Amino acid sequence: MVGVRFRPGAAAPVLRTSGGEMADLTVGYEDLWRGSALPVGEQLAAAGSAREAARLLEAEVLRRVRAATEPDPVVRSAVGMLLVDPAHAVRALTTELHISDSQLRRRFRSAVGCPPKVLHRTLRFWGFLALAQAGPLRGRSLAALASSAGYADQAHLARESVAITGVAPSELLAGIERNCGENHIHTPTYQPLLRARESTR
């Protein structure tokens, strides 16, 4: 299996649809890119390896990126702020970006598919997972991970973990360690988060 992960807010112009129209849905490739879906799918199926299939998919996406409109600049700035500072309050975005709360929510729903608060929670939780599995704090206590990821304390992390995944953070990390192994590589997801936060230190 190969795939492409977009930075939040960057997919909508490339896919030529609203993020809100795709939220919580599994959308077929042919529904997004119509007639071009079949030849691209055939090329990927004929690839000799997952690496070759990934190269072909990346080339197709990059071709469409070059032809797409620019992502919403306000959303891009807001996403950048939330990436580099996991504790950044969503309510501060409207002041720093000189935009009303309702307009920011509307633009987020169109570009990202969810409100700013939901993305904030998601990025903060991804940050915790990145630090726990691929970052400099790997193997450290949950309290240290919670603090570095932007949570008020370990109890805050525990509540968010249960709300988002249904299990406590220790159980979640143990399950990832047990089930993923070498067949599920998390680095493409976590490294952009770690690099963004490292660049601010």
N, C-alpha and C. Protein backbone atom coordinates (compact mmCIF):
# COMPACT_ATOMS: atom_id res chain seq x y z
N MET A 1 0.85 -1.19 0.00
CA MET A 1 0.00 0.00 0.00
C MET A 1 0.89 1.24 0.00
N VAL A 2 0.57 2.20 -0.84
CA VAL A 2 1.30 3.46 -0.87
C VAL A 2 0.29 4.60 -0.77
N GLY A 3 0.74 5.74 -0.27
CA GLY A 3 -0.16 6.87 -0.12
C GLY A 3 0.59 8.17 -0.03
N VAL A 4 -0.16 9.25 -0.01
CA VAL A 4 0.39 10.59 0.11
C VAL A 4 -0.31 11.29 1.25
N ARG A 5 0.46 11.95 2.10
CA ARG A 5 -0.13 12.73 3.19
C ARG A 5 0.12 14.21 2.91
N PHE A 6 -0.94 14.99 2.89
CA PHE A 6 -0.84 16.42 2.67
C PHE A 6 -0.74 17.16 4.00
N ARG A 7 -0.05 18.28 4.01
CA ARG A 7 -0.10 19.17 5.14
C ARG A 7 -1.54 19.66 5.29
N PRO A 8 -2.05 19.81 6.52
CA PRO A 8 -3.43 20.27 6.69
C PRO A 8 -3.71 21.55 5.90
N GLY A 9 -4.76 21.51 5.08
CA GLY A 9 -5.14 22.66 4.28
C GLY A 9 -4.58 22.65 2.87
N ALA A 10 -3.63 21.76 2.59
CA ALA A 10 -2.98 21.76 1.28
C ALA A 10 -3.66 20.83 0.28
N ALA A 11 -4.49 19.92 0.74
CA ALA A 11 -5.06 18.92 -0.17
C ALA A 11 -6.19 19.47 -1.03
N ALA A 12 -7.03 20.33 -0.47
CA ALA A 12 -8.23 20.76 -1.18
C ALA A 12 -7.94 21.35 -2.57
N PRO A 13 -6.96 22.27 -2.73
CA PRO A 13 -6.70 22.80 -4.07
C PRO A 13 -6.22 21.73 -5.06
N VAL A 14 -5.45 20.76 -4.57
CA VAL A 14 -4.92 19.72 -5.45
C VAL A 14 -6.03 18.74 -5.84
N LEU A 15 -6.88 18.41 -4.89
CA LEU A 15 -7.97 17.48 -5.15
C LEU A 15 -9.18 18.16 -5.79
N ARG A 16 -9.12 19.50 -5.83
CA ARG A 16 -10.17 20.31 -6.46
C ARG A 16 -11.53 20.07 -5.83
N THR A 17 -11.54 20.08 -4.52
CA THR A 17 -12.79 19.94 -3.79
C THR A 17 -12.62 20.60 -2.43
N SER A 18 -13.68 20.74 -1.69
CA SER A 18 -13.62 21.32 -0.35
C SER A 18 -13.28 20.26 0.67
N GLY A 19 -12.47 20.66 1.63
CA GLY A 19 -12.15 19.72 2.70
C GLY A 19 -13.38 19.27 3.45
N GLY A 20 -14.35 20.17 3.59
CA GLY A 20 -15.58 19.82 4.29
C GLY A 20 -16.38 18.76 3.59
N GLU A 21 -16.25 18.67 2.26
CA GLU A 21 -16.99 17.67 1.50
C GLU A 21 -16.38 16.28 1.63
N MET A 22 -15.13 16.20 2.10
CA MET A 22 -14.46 14.90 2.22
C MET A 22 -14.31 14.44 3.67
N ALA A 23 -14.61 15.31 4.63
CA ALA A 23 -14.39 14.97 6.03
C ALA A 23 -15.16 13.72 6.43
N ASP A 24 -14.45 12.80 7.09
CA ASP A 24 -15.03 11.56 7.62
C ASP A 24 -15.57 10.63 6.53
N LEU A 25 -15.10 10.78 5.30
CA LEU A 25 -15.56 9.94 4.20
C LEU A 25 -14.38 9.22 3.56
N THR A 26 -14.65 8.09 2.95
CA THR A 26 -13.70 7.42 2.09
C THR A 26 -14.12 7.73 0.66
N VAL A 27 -13.34 8.54 -0.03
CA VAL A 27 -13.71 9.02 -1.36
C VAL A 27 -12.85 8.32 -2.40
N GLY A 28 -13.47 7.76 -3.40
CA GLY A 28 -12.76 7.05 -4.45
C GLY A 28 -11.92 7.99 -5.31
N TYR A 29 -10.79 7.49 -5.77
CA TYR A 29 -9.90 8.29 -6.61
C TYR A 29 -10.63 8.76 -7.88
N GLU A 30 -11.48 7.88 -8.42
CA GLU A 30 -12.20 8.22 -9.65
C GLU A 30 -13.24 9.33 -9.42
N ASP A 31 -13.68 9.48 -8.17
CA ASP A 31 -14.62 10.56 -7.87
C ASP A 31 -13.93 11.92 -7.81
N LEU A 32 -12.62 11.92 -7.60
CA LEU A 32 -11.88 13.17 -7.51
C LEU A 32 -11.28 13.58 -8.84
N TRP A 33 -10.65 12.62 -9.53
CA TRP A 33 -9.91 12.96 -10.74
C TRP A 33 -10.47 12.31 -12.00
N ARG A 34 -11.70 11.80 -11.89
CA ARG A 34 -12.46 11.33 -13.05
C ARG A 34 -11.66 10.41 -13.95
N GLY A 35 -11.56 10.80 -15.24
CA GLY A 35 -10.98 9.92 -16.24
C GLY A 35 -9.53 9.56 -16.04
N SER A 36 -8.78 10.37 -15.32
CA SER A 36 -7.35 10.07 -15.14
C SER A 36 -7.11 8.99 -14.08
N ALA A 37 -8.16 8.63 -13.35
CA ALA A 37 -7.98 7.65 -12.28
C ALA A 37 -7.56 6.29 -12.82
N LEU A 38 -8.16 5.87 -13.92
CA LEU A 38 -7.88 4.53 -14.44
C LEU A 38 -6.44 4.36 -14.90
N PRO A 39 -5.90 5.24 -15.76
CA PRO A 39 -4.50 5.05 -16.18
C PRO A 39 -3.50 5.15 -15.03
N VAL A 40 -3.76 6.06 -14.08
CA VAL A 40 -2.85 6.17 -12.92
C VAL A 40 -2.93 4.89 -12.09
N GLY A 41 -4.13 4.40 -11.87
CA GLY A 41 -4.30 3.16 -11.11
C GLY A 41 -3.60 1.98 -11.78
N GLU A 42 -3.68 1.93 -13.12
CA GLU A 42 -3.03 0.84 -13.85
C GLU A 42 -1.51 0.92 -13.73
N GLN A 43 -0.98 2.15 -13.77
CA GLN A 43 0.47 2.32 -13.61
C GLN A 43 0.92 1.85 -12.23
N LEU A 44 0.17 2.22 -11.21
CA LEU A 44 0.54 1.82 -9.85
C LEU A 44 0.45 0.30 -9.69
N ALA A 45 -0.58 -0.29 -10.27
CA ALA A 45 -0.75 -1.74 -10.15
C ALA A 45 0.37 -2.50 -10.86
N ALA A 46 0.90 -1.89 -11.92
CA ALA A 46 1.95 -2.56 -12.69
C ALA A 46 3.35 -2.32 -12.14
N ALA A 47 3.47 -1.47 -11.14
CA ALA A 47 4.78 -1.16 -10.57
C ALA A 47 5.42 -2.41 -9.99
N GLY A 48 6.74 -2.48 -10.11
CA GLY A 48 7.45 -3.66 -9.65
C GLY A 48 7.68 -3.73 -8.15
N SER A 49 7.48 -2.60 -7.47
CA SER A 49 7.70 -2.58 -6.02
C SER A 49 6.90 -1.44 -5.41
N ALA A 50 6.76 -1.47 -4.10
CA ALA A 50 6.06 -0.39 -3.41
C ALA A 50 6.80 0.93 -3.59
N ARG A 51 8.13 0.87 -3.62
CA ARG A 51 8.92 2.10 -3.81
C ARG A 51 8.65 2.72 -5.18
N GLU A 52 8.57 1.87 -6.21
CA GLU A 52 8.29 2.37 -7.56
C GLU A 52 6.86 2.93 -7.64
N ALA A 53 5.91 2.26 -7.00
CA ALA A 53 4.54 2.75 -6.99
C ALA A 53 4.45 4.10 -6.28
N ALA A 54 5.19 4.23 -5.20
CA ALA A 54 5.20 5.50 -4.47
C ALA A 54 5.80 6.61 -5.32
N ARG A 55 6.85 6.29 -6.09
CA ARG A 55 7.47 7.30 -6.96
C ARG A 55 6.49 7.77 -8.04
N LEU A 56 5.74 6.83 -8.62
CA LEU A 56 4.76 7.17 -9.64
C LEU A 56 3.63 8.02 -9.07
N LEU A 57 3.16 7.65 -7.89
CA LEU A 57 2.08 8.41 -7.26
C LEU A 57 2.55 9.81 -6.90
N GLU A 58 3.76 9.91 -6.38
CA GLU A 58 4.31 11.22 -6.02
C GLU A 58 4.43 12.11 -7.26
N ALA A 59 4.88 11.54 -8.37
CA ALA A 59 5.02 12.32 -9.60
C ALA A 59 3.66 12.83 -10.08
N GLU A 60 2.63 12.00 -9.97
CA GLU A 60 1.29 12.42 -10.38
C GLU A 60 0.75 13.53 -9.49
N VAL A 61 0.97 13.39 -8.19
CA VAL A 61 0.48 14.41 -7.26
C VAL A 61 1.24 15.72 -7.47
N LEU A 62 2.55 15.65 -7.64
CA LEU A 62 3.34 16.85 -7.87
C LEU A 62 2.92 17.57 -9.15
N ARG A 63 2.57 16.80 -10.16
CA ARG A 63 2.09 17.41 -11.41
C ARG A 63 0.80 18.20 -11.13
N ARG A 64 -0.05 17.66 -10.31
CA ARG A 64 -1.31 18.34 -10.00
C ARG A 64 -1.10 19.50 -9.02
N VAL A 65 -0.09 19.39 -8.17
CA VAL A 65 0.23 20.49 -7.26
C VAL A 65 0.64 21.72 -8.07
N ARG A 66 1.45 21.51 -9.09
CA ARG A 66 1.92 22.63 -9.91
C ARG A 66 0.78 23.31 -10.66
N ALA A 67 -0.29 22.57 -10.95
CA ALA A 67 -1.43 23.13 -11.68
C ALA A 67 -2.52 23.66 -10.75
N ALA A 68 -2.36 23.44 -9.44
CA ALA A 68 -3.40 23.83 -8.49
C ALA A 68 -3.24 25.27 -8.03
N THR A 69 -4.30 25.83 -7.49
CA THR A 69 -4.24 27.15 -6.88
C THR A 69 -3.49 27.07 -5.56
N GLU A 70 -3.06 28.20 -5.04
CA GLU A 70 -2.35 28.23 -3.77
C GLU A 70 -3.32 27.92 -2.62
N PRO A 71 -2.85 27.21 -1.59
CA PRO A 71 -3.70 26.98 -0.41
C PRO A 71 -4.07 28.30 0.25
N ASP A 72 -5.15 28.30 1.01
CA ASP A 72 -5.61 29.49 1.72
C ASP A 72 -4.48 30.01 2.61
N PRO A 73 -4.00 31.25 2.39
CA PRO A 73 -2.85 31.75 3.15
C PRO A 73 -3.14 31.91 4.64
N VAL A 74 -4.37 32.25 4.99
CA VAL A 74 -4.71 32.41 6.40
C VAL A 74 -4.67 31.05 7.10
N VAL A 75 -5.25 30.06 6.47
CA VAL A 75 -5.24 28.71 7.04
C VAL A 75 -3.82 28.18 7.12
N ARG A 76 -3.02 28.44 6.08
CA ARG A 76 -1.63 27.98 6.08
C ARG A 76 -0.86 28.59 7.26
N SER A 77 -1.07 29.88 7.52
CA SER A 77 -0.40 30.53 8.65
C SER A 77 -0.86 29.95 9.97
N ALA A 78 -2.17 29.71 10.09
CA ALA A 78 -2.71 29.16 11.33
C ALA A 78 -2.17 27.75 11.58
N VAL A 79 -2.13 26.94 10.54
CA VAL A 79 -1.60 25.58 10.67
C VAL A 79 -0.13 25.63 11.10
N GLY A 80 0.63 26.56 10.51
CA GLY A 80 2.04 26.69 10.89
C GLY A 80 2.21 27.03 12.35
N MET A 81 1.36 27.93 12.85
CA MET A 81 1.43 28.30 14.27
C MET A 81 1.14 27.10 15.17
N LEU A 82 0.14 26.31 14.80
CA LEU A 82 -0.23 25.15 15.62
C LEU A 82 0.81 24.04 15.53
N LEU A 83 1.49 23.94 14.38
CA LEU A 83 2.52 22.92 14.22
C LEU A 83 3.73 23.20 15.10
N VAL A 84 4.19 24.44 15.10
CA VAL A 84 5.43 24.75 15.81
C VAL A 84 5.21 24.93 17.31
N ASP A 85 3.98 25.22 17.71
CA ASP A 85 3.71 25.45 19.13
C ASP A 85 2.48 24.66 19.53
N PRO A 86 2.66 23.43 20.05
CA PRO A 86 1.51 22.58 20.38
C PRO A 86 0.62 23.15 21.47
N ALA A 87 1.12 24.09 22.25
CA ALA A 87 0.31 24.69 23.31
C ALA A 87 -0.37 25.98 22.85
N HIS A 88 -0.17 26.35 21.59
CA HIS A 88 -0.74 27.59 21.07
C HIS A 88 -2.26 27.55 21.18
N ALA A 89 -2.83 28.55 21.82
CA ALA A 89 -4.27 28.60 22.00
C ALA A 89 -4.96 28.97 20.70
N VAL A 90 -5.98 28.22 20.35
CA VAL A 90 -6.72 28.50 19.12
C VAL A 90 -7.32 29.89 19.16
N ARG A 91 -7.76 30.31 20.35
CA ARG A 91 -8.40 31.63 20.46
C ARG A 91 -7.43 32.77 20.13
N ALA A 92 -6.12 32.50 20.21
CA ALA A 92 -5.14 33.55 19.88
C ALA A 92 -4.95 33.71 18.38
N LEU A 93 -5.39 32.73 17.60
CA LEU A 93 -5.18 32.80 16.16
C LEU A 93 -5.92 33.97 15.53
N THR A 94 -7.14 34.21 15.99
CA THR A 94 -7.94 35.28 15.38
C THR A 94 -7.28 36.64 15.59
N THR A 95 -6.68 36.84 16.76
CA THR A 95 -6.00 38.10 17.04
C THR A 95 -4.74 38.24 16.21
N GLU A 96 -3.95 37.18 16.17
CA GLU A 96 -2.67 37.24 15.46
C GLU A 96 -2.85 37.30 13.94
N LEU A 97 -3.94 36.74 13.45
CA LEU A 97 -4.17 36.72 12.01
C LEU A 97 -5.16 37.79 11.56
N HIS A 98 -5.67 38.58 12.52
CA HIS A 98 -6.58 39.68 12.22
C HIS A 98 -7.80 39.20 11.43
N ILE A 99 -8.47 38.20 12.00
CA ILE A 99 -9.63 37.61 11.35
C ILE A 99 -10.66 37.25 12.42
N SER A 100 -11.92 37.28 12.07
CA SER A 100 -12.96 36.94 13.04
C SER A 100 -12.99 35.43 13.28
N ASP A 101 -13.53 35.04 14.41
CA ASP A 101 -13.61 33.62 14.76
C ASP A 101 -14.47 32.86 13.76
N SER A 102 -15.60 33.44 13.38
CA SER A 102 -16.51 32.75 12.44
C SER A 102 -15.87 32.59 11.07
N GLN A 103 -15.12 33.59 10.62
CA GLN A 103 -14.47 33.49 9.31
C GLN A 103 -13.35 32.46 9.34
N LEU A 104 -12.61 32.41 10.45
CA LEU A 104 -11.54 31.42 10.56
C LEU A 104 -12.12 30.02 10.53
N ARG A 105 -13.22 29.80 11.26
CA ARG A 105 -13.86 28.48 11.26
C ARG A 105 -14.34 28.11 9.86
N ARG A 106 -14.94 29.07 9.15
CA ARG A 106 -15.44 28.81 7.81
C ARG A 106 -14.30 28.43 6.87
N ARG A 107 -13.21 29.16 6.93
CA ARG A 107 -12.08 28.88 6.04
C ARG A 107 -11.41 27.56 6.39
N PHE A 108 -11.37 27.22 7.67
CA PHE A 108 -10.82 25.93 8.08
C PHE A 108 -11.67 24.78 7.57
N ARG A 109 -12.98 24.92 7.67
CA ARG A 109 -13.86 23.84 7.21
C ARG A 109 -13.69 23.60 5.72
N SER A 110 -13.49 24.67 4.97
CA SER A 110 -13.32 24.53 3.53
C SER A 110 -11.95 23.95 3.18
N ALA A 111 -10.90 24.44 3.84
CA ALA A 111 -9.54 24.03 3.49
C ALA A 111 -9.11 22.72 4.16
N VAL A 112 -9.48 22.55 5.43
CA VAL A 112 -9.00 21.41 6.20
C VAL A 112 -10.08 20.34 6.38
N GLY A 113 -11.34 20.79 6.52
CA GLY A 113 -12.42 19.85 6.73
C GLY A 113 -12.89 19.76 8.16
N CYS A 114 -12.28 20.55 9.05
CA CYS A 114 -12.67 20.54 10.46
C CYS A 114 -12.37 21.91 11.05
N PRO A 115 -12.95 22.23 12.20
CA PRO A 115 -12.68 23.51 12.86
C PRO A 115 -11.25 23.57 13.38
N PRO A 116 -10.74 24.78 13.65
CA PRO A 116 -9.37 24.92 14.17
C PRO A 116 -9.13 24.13 15.46
N LYS A 117 -10.10 24.09 16.34
CA LYS A 117 -9.93 23.40 17.62
C LYS A 117 -9.70 21.90 17.42
N VAL A 118 -10.42 21.32 16.48
CA VAL A 118 -10.25 19.88 16.21
C VAL A 118 -8.85 19.61 15.64
N LEU A 119 -8.40 20.47 14.72
CA LEU A 119 -7.05 20.29 14.17
C LEU A 119 -6.00 20.47 15.27
N HIS A 120 -6.22 21.45 16.14
CA HIS A 120 -5.28 21.69 17.24
C HIS A 120 -5.13 20.44 18.09
N ARG A 121 -6.26 19.83 18.47
CA ARG A 121 -6.22 18.62 19.29
C ARG A 121 -5.50 17.48 18.55
N THR A 122 -5.78 17.37 17.25
CA THR A 122 -5.18 16.31 16.45
C THR A 122 -3.67 16.48 16.34
N LEU A 123 -3.21 17.70 16.03
CA LEU A 123 -1.78 17.95 15.89
C LEU A 123 -1.05 17.75 17.22
N ARG A 124 -1.67 18.18 18.30
CA ARG A 124 -1.04 18.00 19.61
C ARG A 124 -0.90 16.51 19.94
N PHE A 125 -1.92 15.72 19.59
CA PHE A 125 -1.85 14.29 19.88
C PHE A 125 -0.84 13.60 18.97
N TRP A 126 -0.80 14.00 17.68
CA TRP A 126 0.23 13.47 16.79
C TRP A 126 1.61 13.81 17.32
N GLY A 127 1.76 15.01 17.89
CA GLY A 127 3.03 15.41 18.46
C GLY A 127 3.45 14.49 19.59
N PHE A 128 2.50 14.13 20.43
CA PHE A 128 2.79 13.18 21.51
C PHE A 128 3.27 11.85 20.95
N LEU A 129 2.56 11.33 19.94
CA LEU A 129 2.95 10.06 19.34
C LEU A 129 4.31 10.15 18.67
N ALA A 130 4.58 11.28 18.03
CA ALA A 130 5.88 11.47 17.38
C ALA A 130 7.01 11.45 18.40
N LEU A 131 6.84 12.17 19.49
CA LEU A 131 7.87 12.22 20.52
C LEU A 131 8.05 10.85 21.17
N ALA A 132 6.96 10.12 21.34
CA ALA A 132 7.02 8.82 22.00
C ALA A 132 7.70 7.77 21.14
N GLN A 133 7.55 7.88 19.80
CA GLN A 133 8.04 6.81 18.93
C GLN A 133 9.25 7.18 18.09
N ALA A 134 9.38 8.45 17.75
CA ALA A 134 10.44 8.81 16.82
C ALA A 134 11.25 10.02 17.24
N GLY A 135 10.91 10.61 18.37
CA GLY A 135 11.55 11.85 18.76
C GLY A 135 12.61 11.67 19.83
N PRO A 136 13.19 12.79 20.27
CA PRO A 136 14.27 12.73 21.26
C PRO A 136 13.81 12.24 22.63
N LEU A 137 12.51 12.24 22.88
CA LEU A 137 12.01 11.80 24.18
C LEU A 137 11.50 10.37 24.17
N ARG A 138 11.81 9.63 23.12
CA ARG A 138 11.35 8.25 23.03
C ARG A 138 11.81 7.46 24.26
N GLY A 139 10.86 6.77 24.87
CA GLY A 139 11.18 5.98 26.04
C GLY A 139 11.06 6.74 27.34
N ARG A 140 10.81 8.04 27.28
CA ARG A 140 10.68 8.83 28.51
C ARG A 140 9.31 8.61 29.14
N SER A 141 9.12 9.14 30.33
CA SER A 141 7.87 8.96 31.05
C SER A 141 6.72 9.67 30.34
N LEU A 142 5.50 9.23 30.61
CA LEU A 142 4.33 9.87 30.02
C LEU A 142 4.21 11.32 30.47
N ALA A 143 4.64 11.60 31.70
CA ALA A 143 4.58 12.98 32.20
C ALA A 143 5.48 13.89 31.37
N ALA A 144 6.69 13.42 31.06
CA ALA A 144 7.62 14.22 30.25
C ALA A 144 7.10 14.38 28.83
N LEU A 145 6.54 13.32 28.28
CA LEU A 145 5.99 13.39 26.94
C LEU A 145 4.80 14.34 26.88
N ALA A 146 3.95 14.27 27.89
CA ALA A 146 2.77 15.14 27.93
C ALA A 146 3.17 16.61 27.95
N SER A 147 4.16 16.94 28.76
CA SER A 147 4.62 18.32 28.88
C SER A 147 5.21 18.81 27.56
N SER A 148 6.06 17.99 26.94
CA SER A 148 6.70 18.39 25.68
C SER A 148 5.70 18.48 24.53
N ALA A 149 4.63 17.68 24.59
CA ALA A 149 3.64 17.68 23.51
C ALA A 149 2.65 18.83 23.64
N GLY A 150 2.65 19.52 24.78
CA GLY A 150 1.77 20.68 24.92
C GLY A 150 0.56 20.46 25.80
N TYR A 151 0.55 19.36 26.56
CA TYR A 151 -0.57 19.11 27.48
C TYR A 151 -0.30 19.74 28.83
N ALA A 152 -1.36 20.05 29.54
CA ALA A 152 -1.21 20.68 30.86
C ALA A 152 -0.49 19.74 31.82
N ASP A 153 -0.81 18.46 31.75
CA ASP A 153 -0.18 17.46 32.61
C ASP A 153 -0.50 16.07 32.05
N GLN A 154 -0.04 15.05 32.73
CA GLN A 154 -0.25 13.67 32.26
C GLN A 154 -1.73 13.31 32.25
N ALA A 155 -2.48 13.82 33.23
CA ALA A 155 -3.92 13.53 33.28
C ALA A 155 -4.64 14.11 32.06
N HIS A 156 -4.20 15.29 31.64
CA HIS A 156 -4.77 15.91 30.44
C HIS A 156 -4.51 15.03 29.21
N LEU A 157 -3.28 14.54 29.08
CA LEU A 157 -2.94 13.64 27.98
C LEU A 157 -3.81 12.39 28.04
N ALA A 158 -3.98 11.83 29.24
CA ALA A 158 -4.76 10.60 29.38
C ALA A 158 -6.20 10.81 28.93
N ARG A 159 -6.79 11.94 29.32
CA ARG A 159 -8.18 12.23 28.92
C ARG A 159 -8.29 12.37 27.41
N GLU A 160 -7.34 13.07 26.80
CA GLU A 160 -7.37 13.26 25.36
C GLU A 160 -7.15 11.93 24.62
N SER A 161 -6.27 11.09 25.13
CA SER A 161 -6.01 9.81 24.49
C SER A 161 -7.26 8.94 24.48
N VAL A 162 -7.95 8.91 25.60
CA VAL A 162 -9.19 8.12 25.69
C VAL A 162 -10.26 8.70 24.78
N ALA A 163 -10.35 10.04 24.73
CA ALA A 163 -11.36 10.69 23.89
C ALA A 163 -11.10 10.45 22.41
N ILE A 164 -9.83 10.45 22.00
CA ILE A 164 -9.48 10.34 20.59
C ILE A 164 -9.38 8.89 20.13
N THR A 165 -8.77 8.04 20.96
CA THR A 165 -8.50 6.66 20.52
C THR A 165 -9.30 5.60 21.27
N GLY A 166 -9.86 5.96 22.42
CA GLY A 166 -10.62 4.99 23.19
C GLY A 166 -9.80 4.24 24.23
N VAL A 167 -8.48 4.48 24.26
CA VAL A 167 -7.63 3.77 25.22
C VAL A 167 -6.66 4.76 25.87
N ALA A 168 -6.10 4.36 27.00
CA ALA A 168 -5.11 5.17 27.71
C ALA A 168 -3.82 5.25 26.88
N PRO A 169 -3.00 6.30 27.08
CA PRO A 169 -1.78 6.45 26.27
C PRO A 169 -0.81 5.29 26.39
N SER A 170 -0.65 4.75 27.59
CA SER A 170 0.28 3.62 27.74
C SER A 170 -0.20 2.41 26.96
N GLU A 171 -1.51 2.16 26.98
CA GLU A 171 -2.08 1.04 26.23
C GLU A 171 -1.96 1.27 24.73
N LEU A 172 -2.16 2.52 24.31
CA LEU A 172 -2.04 2.85 22.89
C LEU A 172 -0.62 2.61 22.39
N LEU A 173 0.39 3.10 23.14
CA LEU A 173 1.78 2.94 22.72
C LEU A 173 2.18 1.47 22.71
N ALA A 174 1.70 0.71 23.68
CA ALA A 174 2.01 -0.72 23.72
C ALA A 174 1.41 -1.43 22.52
N GLY A 175 0.19 -1.04 22.14
CA GLY A 175 -0.45 -1.66 20.98
C GLY A 175 0.26 -1.34 19.69
N ILE A 176 0.73 -0.09 19.55
CA ILE A 176 1.47 0.30 18.35
C ILE A 176 2.77 -0.49 18.26
N GLU A 177 3.45 -0.60 19.38
CA GLU A 177 4.72 -1.33 19.41
C GLU A 177 4.50 -2.80 19.07
N ARG A 178 3.40 -3.35 19.54
CA ARG A 178 3.11 -4.77 19.35
C ARG A 178 2.62 -5.08 17.93
N ASN A 179 1.82 -4.19 17.37
CA ASN A 179 1.13 -4.52 16.12
C ASN A 179 1.78 -3.97 14.84
N CYS A 180 2.50 -2.88 14.96
CA CYS A 180 3.01 -2.25 13.74
C CYS A 180 4.30 -2.90 13.23
N GLY A 181 5.30 -2.97 14.07
CA GLY A 181 6.57 -3.56 13.66
C GLY A 181 7.17 -2.84 12.47
N GLU A 182 7.75 -3.59 11.56
CA GLU A 182 8.42 -3.02 10.40
C GLU A 182 7.46 -2.79 9.23
N ASN A 183 6.22 -3.23 9.36
CA ASN A 183 5.28 -3.15 8.24
C ASN A 183 4.50 -1.84 8.19
N HIS A 184 4.61 -1.03 9.20
CA HIS A 184 3.86 0.24 9.23
C HIS A 184 4.81 1.33 9.67
N ILE A 185 5.26 2.13 8.72
CA ILE A 185 6.27 3.14 8.99
C ILE A 185 5.59 4.47 9.33
N HIS A 186 5.81 4.99 10.53
CA HIS A 186 5.18 6.22 10.99
C HIS A 186 6.02 7.47 10.69
N THR A 187 7.27 7.27 10.27
CA THR A 187 8.17 8.41 10.09
C THR A 187 7.61 9.51 9.19
N PRO A 188 7.00 9.20 8.04
CA PRO A 188 6.48 10.28 7.18
C PRO A 188 5.45 11.16 7.88
N THR A 189 4.73 10.59 8.83
CA THR A 189 3.74 11.37 9.58
C THR A 189 4.41 12.22 10.64
N TYR A 190 5.35 11.64 11.35
CA TYR A 190 5.88 12.30 12.54
C TYR A 190 7.03 13.26 12.28
N GLN A 191 7.85 12.98 11.28
CA GLN A 191 9.03 13.82 11.07
C GLN A 191 8.69 15.28 10.76
N PRO A 192 7.67 15.58 9.94
CA PRO A 192 7.34 17.00 9.72
C PRO A 192 6.97 17.73 11.01
N LEU A 193 6.27 17.05 11.91
CA LEU A 193 5.93 17.66 13.19
C LEU A 193 7.18 17.94 14.01
N LEU A 194 8.07 16.97 14.07
CA LEU A 194 9.28 17.13 14.87
C LEU A 194 10.19 18.21 14.29
N ARG A 195 10.31 18.25 12.95
CA ARG A 195 11.14 19.25 12.32
C ARG A 195 10.58 20.66 12.55
N ALA A 196 9.27 20.80 12.45
CA ALA A 196 8.65 22.11 12.64
C ALA A 196 8.89 22.63 14.05
N ARG A 197 8.82 21.75 15.02
CA ARG A 197 9.00 22.19 16.41
C ARG A 197 10.46 22.39 16.74
N GLU A 198 11.33 21.58 16.13
CA GLU A 198 12.76 21.74 16.38
C GLU A 198 13.28 23.05 15.81
N SER A 199 12.69 23.52 14.70
CA SER A 199 13.16 24.74 14.04
C SER A 199 12.91 25.99 14.88
N THR A 200 12.04 25.90 15.88
CA THR A 200 11.74 27.06 16.70
C THR A 200 12.61 27.14 17.94
N ARG A 201 13.45 26.14 18.16
CA ARG A 201 14.26 26.15 19.39
C ARG A 201 15.60 26.82 19.15
